[in-house]
């Protein structure tokens, strides 16, 4: 349904919703049309973000970022508060340059 309406199906903050076997879960979701993962999230520590990032790069999967800002419901989270390295940003830009996502 998401694709039929011009959207790109992404798994949001997997670290908050899936407690183990993240990559098995992602592989299963890919079979049903998911195209990417929210890699950089306020729910993920640096290690999980790096593992998700490497998985996505190795498997040509889309990488997204989300702060999960909800205003007064999450006062310690700011809009756009995502942390990634310059190396990761370069890799993301290279990926975007070589694929068409819509």
N, C-alpha and C. Protein backbone atom coordinates (compact mmCIF):
# COMPACT_ATOMS: atom_id res chain seq x y z
N UNK A 1 0.82 -1.18 0.00
CA UNK A 1 0.00 0.00 0.00
C UNK A 1 0.88 1.26 0.00
N UNK A 2 1.96 1.23 0.75
CA UNK A 2 2.86 2.38 0.81
C UNK A 2 3.43 2.68 -0.56
N UNK A 3 3.95 1.65 -1.23
CA UNK A 3 4.52 1.82 -2.57
C UNK A 3 3.47 2.26 -3.57
N UNK A 4 2.25 1.71 -3.47
CA UNK A 4 1.17 2.07 -4.38
C UNK A 4 0.81 3.55 -4.29
N UNK A 5 1.14 4.17 -3.17
CA UNK A 5 0.85 5.58 -2.97
C UNK A 5 2.09 6.47 -3.09
N UNK A 6 3.15 5.92 -3.70
CA UNK A 6 4.36 6.70 -3.94
C UNK A 6 5.32 6.77 -2.77
N UNK A 7 5.09 5.99 -1.74
CA UNK A 7 5.95 6.01 -0.57
C UNK A 7 7.04 4.96 -0.61
N UNK A 8 7.94 5.06 0.32
CA UNK A 8 9.04 4.11 0.46
C UNK A 8 8.92 3.47 1.84
N UNK A 9 8.64 2.17 1.91
CA UNK A 9 8.48 1.51 3.21
C UNK A 9 9.82 1.41 3.96
N UNK A 10 9.84 1.93 5.17
CA UNK A 10 11.03 1.98 6.01
C UNK A 10 10.68 1.39 7.38
N UNK A 11 11.60 0.60 7.94
CA UNK A 11 11.43 0.11 9.30
C UNK A 11 11.90 1.22 10.24
N UNK A 12 11.00 1.72 11.07
CA UNK A 12 11.32 2.81 12.00
C UNK A 12 11.89 2.27 13.30
N UNK A 13 12.86 2.98 13.84
CA UNK A 13 13.52 2.70 15.13
C UNK A 13 13.42 1.25 15.58
N UNK A 14 14.07 0.41 14.80
CA UNK A 14 14.03 -1.04 15.06
C UNK A 14 14.55 -1.37 16.46
N UNK A 15 15.47 -0.57 16.97
CA UNK A 15 16.02 -0.82 18.30
C UNK A 15 14.99 -0.68 19.41
N UNK A 16 13.91 0.04 19.16
CA UNK A 16 12.86 0.21 20.16
C UNK A 16 11.81 -0.89 20.06
N UNK A 17 11.70 -1.50 18.89
CA UNK A 17 10.61 -2.45 18.65
C UNK A 17 11.04 -3.90 18.55
N UNK A 18 12.29 -4.14 18.21
CA UNK A 18 12.80 -5.51 18.05
C UNK A 18 13.98 -5.66 19.00
N UNK A 19 13.92 -6.62 19.89
CA UNK A 19 14.95 -6.73 20.92
C UNK A 19 16.13 -7.61 20.54
N UNK A 20 15.97 -8.47 19.54
CA UNK A 20 17.08 -9.33 19.13
C UNK A 20 16.91 -9.72 17.67
N UNK A 21 17.96 -10.26 17.10
CA UNK A 21 17.96 -10.72 15.71
C UNK A 21 17.46 -9.65 14.74
N UNK A 22 18.01 -8.45 14.88
CA UNK A 22 17.59 -7.33 14.04
C UNK A 22 17.72 -7.65 12.55
N UNK A 23 18.81 -8.31 12.16
CA UNK A 23 19.07 -8.52 10.75
C UNK A 23 18.19 -9.62 10.16
N UNK A 24 17.83 -10.58 10.96
CA UNK A 24 16.87 -11.59 10.53
C UNK A 24 15.51 -10.92 10.29
N UNK A 25 15.12 -10.04 11.20
CA UNK A 25 13.86 -9.31 11.06
C UNK A 25 13.87 -8.45 9.80
N UNK A 26 14.96 -7.73 9.58
CA UNK A 26 15.07 -6.87 8.41
C UNK A 26 14.97 -7.72 7.14
N UNK A 27 15.66 -8.85 7.10
CA UNK A 27 15.62 -9.72 5.92
C UNK A 27 14.20 -10.20 5.64
N UNK A 28 13.48 -10.56 6.68
CA UNK A 28 12.09 -11.01 6.50
C UNK A 28 11.20 -9.86 6.00
N UNK A 29 11.41 -8.68 6.53
CA UNK A 29 10.61 -7.52 6.11
C UNK A 29 10.94 -7.11 4.66
N UNK A 30 12.18 -7.31 4.27
CA UNK A 30 12.57 -6.99 2.90
C UNK A 30 11.80 -7.86 1.91
N UNK A 31 11.55 -9.11 2.28
CA UNK A 31 10.81 -10.03 1.42
C UNK A 31 9.40 -9.53 1.12
N UNK A 32 8.84 -8.71 2.01
CA UNK A 32 7.48 -8.21 1.80
C UNK A 32 7.46 -6.76 1.32
N UNK A 33 8.65 -6.25 0.91
CA UNK A 33 8.68 -4.96 0.25
C UNK A 33 9.30 -3.80 1.00
N UNK A 34 9.76 -4.01 2.22
CA UNK A 34 10.43 -2.93 2.94
C UNK A 34 11.71 -2.58 2.19
N UNK A 35 12.02 -1.28 2.09
CA UNK A 35 13.15 -0.82 1.28
C UNK A 35 14.25 -0.15 2.09
N UNK A 36 14.07 0.02 3.40
CA UNK A 36 15.09 0.69 4.18
C UNK A 36 14.86 0.60 5.67
N UNK A 37 15.83 1.17 6.40
CA UNK A 37 15.82 1.13 7.86
C UNK A 37 16.18 2.51 8.40
N UNK A 38 15.48 2.92 9.43
CA UNK A 38 15.86 4.12 10.17
C UNK A 38 17.08 3.72 11.01
N UNK A 39 18.25 4.04 10.50
CA UNK A 39 19.52 3.63 11.13
C UNK A 39 19.85 4.53 12.31
N UNK A 40 19.74 5.82 12.10
CA UNK A 40 20.11 6.80 13.12
C UNK A 40 18.85 7.26 13.83
N UNK A 41 18.74 6.92 15.10
CA UNK A 41 17.53 7.17 15.87
C UNK A 41 17.90 7.42 17.33
N UNK A 42 17.09 8.19 18.01
CA UNK A 42 17.33 8.42 19.43
C UNK A 42 17.15 7.14 20.24
N UNK A 43 16.58 6.12 19.65
CA UNK A 43 16.41 4.83 20.32
C UNK A 43 17.64 3.92 20.19
N UNK A 44 18.58 4.28 19.32
CA UNK A 44 19.72 3.41 19.04
C UNK A 44 20.99 3.95 19.67
N UNK A 45 21.79 3.06 20.23
CA UNK A 45 23.12 3.47 20.67
C UNK A 45 24.05 3.45 19.45
N UNK A 46 25.27 3.93 19.63
CA UNK A 46 26.21 4.03 18.51
C UNK A 46 26.51 2.67 17.88
N UNK A 47 26.62 1.64 18.71
CA UNK A 47 26.94 0.32 18.18
C UNK A 47 25.82 -0.19 17.27
N UNK A 48 24.58 -0.09 17.72
CA UNK A 48 23.47 -0.57 16.89
C UNK A 48 23.39 0.26 15.61
N UNK A 49 23.54 1.58 15.71
CA UNK A 49 23.52 2.41 14.50
C UNK A 49 24.60 1.99 13.52
N UNK A 50 25.80 1.72 14.01
CA UNK A 50 26.89 1.29 13.13
C UNK A 50 26.58 -0.05 12.49
N UNK A 51 26.06 -0.99 13.27
CA UNK A 51 25.72 -2.30 12.72
C UNK A 51 24.62 -2.18 11.65
N UNK A 52 23.60 -1.39 11.93
CA UNK A 52 22.53 -1.18 10.96
C UNK A 52 23.05 -0.48 9.71
N UNK A 53 23.90 0.52 9.91
CA UNK A 53 24.48 1.25 8.79
C UNK A 53 25.27 0.30 7.89
N UNK A 54 26.15 -0.49 8.48
CA UNK A 54 26.96 -1.42 7.70
C UNK A 54 26.08 -2.42 6.96
N UNK A 55 25.05 -2.94 7.62
CA UNK A 55 24.13 -3.88 6.99
C UNK A 55 23.46 -3.23 5.77
N UNK A 56 22.98 -2.02 5.95
CA UNK A 56 22.28 -1.34 4.86
C UNK A 56 23.22 -1.06 3.68
N UNK A 57 24.42 -0.61 3.97
CA UNK A 57 25.39 -0.35 2.90
C UNK A 57 25.72 -1.65 2.17
N UNK A 58 25.99 -2.70 2.92
CA UNK A 58 26.35 -3.98 2.32
C UNK A 58 25.23 -4.60 1.50
N UNK A 59 23.98 -4.25 1.83
CA UNK A 59 22.83 -4.85 1.17
C UNK A 59 22.04 -3.86 0.30
N UNK A 60 22.63 -2.70 0.02
CA UNK A 60 21.99 -1.66 -0.81
C UNK A 60 20.57 -1.35 -0.33
N UNK A 61 20.45 -1.13 0.96
CA UNK A 61 19.18 -0.82 1.61
C UNK A 61 19.18 0.65 1.96
N UNK A 62 18.05 1.31 1.85
CA UNK A 62 17.97 2.74 2.17
C UNK A 62 18.24 2.99 3.65
N UNK A 63 18.88 4.11 3.93
CA UNK A 63 19.24 4.52 5.29
C UNK A 63 18.50 5.81 5.60
N UNK A 64 17.79 5.84 6.72
CA UNK A 64 17.13 7.07 7.12
C UNK A 64 17.54 7.44 8.54
N UNK A 65 17.11 8.62 8.93
CA UNK A 65 17.45 9.19 10.22
C UNK A 65 16.20 9.82 10.81
N UNK A 66 15.99 9.60 12.09
CA UNK A 66 14.85 10.23 12.74
C UNK A 66 15.12 10.49 14.20
N UNK A 67 14.77 11.66 14.66
CA UNK A 67 14.99 11.98 16.06
C UNK A 67 13.88 11.44 16.95
N UNK A 68 12.73 11.12 16.35
CA UNK A 68 11.53 10.70 17.06
C UNK A 68 11.03 11.80 18.00
N UNK A 69 11.13 13.01 17.52
CA UNK A 69 10.65 14.18 18.25
C UNK A 69 9.13 14.12 18.38
N UNK A 70 8.63 14.37 19.59
CA UNK A 70 7.19 14.39 19.84
C UNK A 70 6.81 15.57 20.74
N UNK A 71 7.55 16.66 20.64
CA UNK A 71 7.21 17.84 21.41
C UNK A 71 7.30 17.63 22.90
N UNK A 72 6.29 18.08 23.63
CA UNK A 72 6.32 18.00 25.10
C UNK A 72 6.30 16.57 25.62
N UNK A 73 5.88 15.62 24.77
CA UNK A 73 5.89 14.22 25.19
C UNK A 73 7.30 13.67 25.37
N UNK A 74 8.26 14.25 24.66
CA UNK A 74 9.66 13.83 24.74
C UNK A 74 10.53 15.08 24.82
N UNK A 75 10.57 15.74 25.96
CA UNK A 75 11.26 17.02 26.06
C UNK A 75 12.78 16.97 25.86
N UNK A 76 13.39 15.80 25.98
CA UNK A 76 14.84 15.71 25.80
C UNK A 76 15.26 15.41 24.36
N UNK A 77 14.30 15.29 23.47
CA UNK A 77 14.57 14.99 22.07
C UNK A 77 14.29 16.25 21.24
N UNK A 78 15.22 16.61 20.38
CA UNK A 78 15.04 17.79 19.53
C UNK A 78 14.78 17.37 18.08
N UNK A 79 14.10 18.21 17.35
CA UNK A 79 13.85 17.94 15.93
C UNK A 79 15.19 17.83 15.22
N UNK A 80 15.32 16.78 14.42
CA UNK A 80 16.54 16.60 13.62
C UNK A 80 17.75 16.17 14.41
N UNK A 81 17.57 15.75 15.62
CA UNK A 81 18.70 15.36 16.46
C UNK A 81 19.24 13.99 16.12
N UNK A 82 19.94 13.86 15.02
CA UNK A 82 20.55 12.59 14.60
C UNK A 82 22.06 12.76 14.55
N UNK A 83 22.75 11.71 14.92
CA UNK A 83 24.21 11.77 14.95
C UNK A 83 24.77 10.71 14.02
N UNK A 84 25.57 11.15 13.06
CA UNK A 84 26.26 10.25 12.16
C UNK A 84 27.60 10.89 11.81
N UNK A 85 28.53 10.06 11.37
CA UNK A 85 29.88 10.54 11.08
C UNK A 85 29.97 11.10 9.66
N UNK A 86 31.04 11.83 9.39
CA UNK A 86 31.26 12.33 8.03
C UNK A 86 31.41 11.18 7.04
N UNK A 87 32.08 10.10 7.45
CA UNK A 87 32.24 8.93 6.60
C UNK A 87 30.88 8.33 6.24
N UNK A 88 30.00 8.24 7.22
CA UNK A 88 28.65 7.72 6.97
C UNK A 88 27.88 8.64 6.04
N UNK A 89 27.99 9.93 6.24
CA UNK A 89 27.30 10.88 5.37
C UNK A 89 27.79 10.76 3.93
N UNK A 90 29.08 10.62 3.73
CA UNK A 90 29.64 10.46 2.39
C UNK A 90 29.08 9.19 1.74
N UNK A 91 29.03 8.11 2.48
CA UNK A 91 28.51 6.85 1.97
C UNK A 91 27.03 6.98 1.59
N UNK A 92 26.26 7.66 2.42
CA UNK A 92 24.83 7.88 2.14
C UNK A 92 24.68 8.69 0.86
N UNK A 93 25.46 9.75 0.70
CA UNK A 93 25.38 10.58 -0.51
C UNK A 93 25.78 9.79 -1.75
N UNK A 94 26.79 8.94 -1.65
CA UNK A 94 27.20 8.12 -2.79
C UNK A 94 26.08 7.16 -3.18
N UNK A 95 25.42 6.60 -2.20
CA UNK A 95 24.30 5.70 -2.47
C UNK A 95 23.17 6.44 -3.19
N UNK A 96 22.83 7.60 -2.69
CA UNK A 96 21.75 8.40 -3.29
C UNK A 96 22.09 8.77 -4.72
N UNK A 97 23.35 9.06 -4.98
CA UNK A 97 23.77 9.44 -6.33
C UNK A 97 23.67 8.30 -7.34
N UNK A 98 23.74 7.05 -6.88
CA UNK A 98 23.75 5.94 -7.83
C UNK A 98 22.44 5.18 -7.94
N UNK A 99 21.44 5.51 -7.13
CA UNK A 99 20.17 4.79 -7.23
C UNK A 99 19.01 5.75 -7.40
N UNK A 100 17.96 5.23 -7.95
CA UNK A 100 16.71 5.98 -8.07
C UNK A 100 15.75 5.33 -7.09
N UNK A 101 15.22 6.09 -6.16
CA UNK A 101 14.36 5.52 -5.13
C UNK A 101 12.88 5.72 -5.41
N UNK A 102 12.52 6.46 -6.42
CA UNK A 102 11.11 6.65 -6.73
C UNK A 102 10.89 6.70 -8.21
